[in-house]
Amino acid sequence: MEAAIDTKTPAVEVAEEYAWFKSSYSNDTGGACVEVAVLAGCVGVRDSKDEGGPVLVVPSAAWASFVHRMSASAEARG
């Protein structure tokens, strides 16, 4: 899959079900949970409540930058 931002592709076309994993910050109460799938050169992100719905696919470097910035922000807040 091309490493570009894509929000129209259904999850079943992005990765097999076993490839998706839930965020470590998610819980079973049904809040704002996401699941990710690591792909070749990119990362898929989907709503855990809509497993067959659309997926945000971003380049791996963009995902790594996002995670790093969120971690740094959380650390700064204490």
C-alpha atoms as a PDB file:
ATOM      1  CA  MET A   1       0.000   0.000   0.000  1.00  0.00           C
ATOM      2  CA  GLU A   2       1.261   3.446  -0.887  1.00  0.00           C
ATOM      3  CA  ALA A   3       2.389   5.551   2.051  1.00  0.00           C
ATOM      4  CA  ALA A   4      -0.078   8.404   1.715  1.00  0.00           C
ATOM      5  CA  ILE A   5      -2.907   9.669   3.863  1.00  0.00           C
ATOM      6  CA  ASP A   6      -6.044   7.711   2.986  1.00  0.00           C
ATOM      7  CA  THR A   7      -9.347   7.909   4.876  1.00  0.00           C
ATOM      8  CA  LYS A   8     -11.666   6.164   2.433  1.00  0.00           C
ATOM      9  CA  THR A   9     -10.344   2.598   2.409  1.00  0.00           C
ATOM     10  CA  PRO A  10     -12.298   0.095   4.550  1.00  0.00           C
ATOM     11  CA  ALA A  11     -10.288  -1.682   7.247  1.00  0.00           C
ATOM     12  CA  VAL A  12     -10.747  -5.100   5.620  1.00  0.00           C
ATOM     13  CA  GLU A  13      -8.848  -3.833   2.567  1.00  0.00           C
ATOM     14  CA  VAL A  14      -5.972  -2.440   4.642  1.00  0.00           C
ATOM     15  CA  ALA A  15      -5.008  -5.365   6.879  1.00  0.00           C
ATOM     16  CA  GLU A  16      -6.158  -8.765   8.093  1.00  0.00           C
ATOM     17  CA  GLU A  17      -8.120  -8.709  11.350  1.00  0.00           C
ATOM     18  CA  TYR A  18      -5.243 -10.286  13.322  1.00  0.00           C
ATOM     19  CA  ALA A  19      -2.930  -7.368  12.380  1.00  0.00           C
ATOM     20  CA  TRP A  20      -4.965  -4.792  14.323  1.00  0.00           C
ATOM     21  CA  PHE A  21      -4.243  -4.083  17.978  1.00  0.00           C
ATOM     22  CA  LYS A  22      -5.882  -1.744  20.443  1.00  0.00           C
ATOM     23  CA  SER A  23      -4.138   1.253  21.911  1.00  0.00           C
ATOM     24  CA  SER A  24      -2.608   0.622  25.330  1.00  0.00           C
ATOM     25  CA  TYR A  25      -4.645   3.610  26.536  1.00  0.00           C
ATOM     26  CA  SER A  26      -7.942   1.991  25.533  1.00  0.00           C
ATOM     27  CA  ASN A  27     -10.179   0.094  27.917  1.00  0.00           C
ATOM     28  CA  ASP A  28     -13.383  -1.930  27.721  1.00  0.00           C
ATOM     29  CA  THR A  29     -15.746   0.905  28.598  1.00  0.00           C
ATOM     30  CA  GLY A  30     -16.263   1.851  24.940  1.00  0.00           C
ATOM     31  CA  GLY A  31     -14.744   5.311  25.032  1.00  0.00           C
ATOM     32  CA  ALA A  32     -12.618   6.904  22.343  1.00  0.00           C
ATOM     33  CA  CYS A  33     -10.568   3.845  21.402  1.00  0.00           C
ATOM     34  CA  VAL A  34      -8.391   3.341  18.365  1.00  0.00           C
ATOM     35  CA  GLU A  35      -6.678   0.315  16.889  1.00  0.00           C
ATOM     36  CA  VAL A  36      -3.570   0.342  14.737  1.00  0.00           C
ATOM     37  CA  ALA A  37      -2.029  -2.016  12.202  1.00  0.00           C
ATOM     38  CA  VAL A  38       1.621  -1.756  11.236  1.00  0.00           C
ATOM     39  CA  LEU A  39       1.931  -2.096   7.462  1.00  0.00           C
ATOM     40  CA  ALA A  40       4.780  -1.921   4.962  1.00  0.00           C
ATOM     41  CA  GLY A  41       5.899   1.713   5.178  1.00  0.00           C
ATOM     42  CA  CYS A  42       2.718   2.967   6.810  1.00  0.00           C
ATOM     43  CA  VAL A  43       0.344   2.569   9.722  1.00  0.00           C
ATOM     44  CA  GLY A  44      -3.414   2.072   9.622  1.00  0.00           C
ATOM     45  CA  VAL A  45      -5.587   3.631  12.339  1.00  0.00           C
ATOM     46  CA  ARG A  46      -9.249   2.723  12.828  1.00  0.00           C
ATOM     47  CA  ASP A  47     -12.063   3.276  15.319  1.00  0.00           C
ATOM     48  CA  SER A  48     -12.305   0.163  17.487  1.00  0.00           C
ATOM     49  CA  LYS A  49     -16.095   0.531  17.548  1.00  0.00           C
ATOM     50  CA  ASP A  50     -16.269   0.422  13.728  1.00  0.00           C
ATOM     51  CA  GLU A  51     -13.854  -2.345  12.763  1.00  0.00           C
ATOM     52  CA  GLY A  52     -15.075  -2.506   9.160  1.00  0.00           C
ATOM     53  CA  GLY A  53     -15.226   1.244   8.722  1.00  0.00           C
ATOM     54  CA  PRO A  54     -12.781   3.667   7.148  1.00  0.00           C
ATOM     55  CA  VAL A  55      -9.125   3.704   8.091  1.00  0.00           C
ATOM     56  CA  LEU A  56      -6.641   6.520   8.343  1.00  0.00           C
ATOM     57  CA  VAL A  57      -3.441   5.318   6.651  1.00  0.00           C
ATOM     58  CA  VAL A  58      -0.352   7.436   7.250  1.00  0.00           C
ATOM     59  CA  PRO A  59       3.347   7.033   6.502  1.00  0.00           C
ATOM     60  CA  SER A  60       5.269   5.269   9.291  1.00  0.00           C
ATOM     61  CA  ALA A  61       7.454   8.335   9.863  1.00  0.00           C
ATOM     62  CA  ALA A  62       4.378  10.542  10.348  1.00  0.00           C
ATOM     63  CA  TRP A  63       2.926   8.068  12.858  1.00  0.00           C
ATOM     64  CA  ALA A  64       6.211   7.865  14.772  1.00  0.00           C
ATOM     65  CA  SER A  65       6.370  11.664  14.909  1.00  0.00           C
ATOM     66  CA  PHE A  66       2.774  11.860  16.159  1.00  0.00           C
ATOM     67  CA  VAL A  67       3.367   9.282  18.906  1.00  0.00           C
ATOM     68  CA  HIS A  68       6.591  11.004  19.954  1.00  0.00           C
ATOM     69  CA  ARG A  69       4.897  14.407  20.187  1.00  0.00           C
ATOM     70  CA  MET A  70       1.957  13.021  22.163  1.00  0.00           C
ATOM     71  CA  SER A  71       4.326  11.260  24.569  1.00  0.00           C
ATOM     72  CA  ALA A  72       6.384  14.420  25.039  1.00  0.00           C
ATOM     73  CA  SER A  73       3.221  16.442  25.627  1.00  0.00           C
ATOM     74  CA  ALA A  74       1.970  13.969  28.225  1.00  0.00           C
ATOM     75  CA  GLU A  75       5.329  14.033  30.021  1.00  0.00           C
ATOM     76  CA  ALA A  76       5.344  17.835  30.044  1.00  0.00           C
ATOM     77  CA  ARG A  77       1.898  17.880  31.678  1.00  0.00           C
ATOM     78  CA  GLY A  78       3.197  15.501  34.359  1.00  0.00           C
END
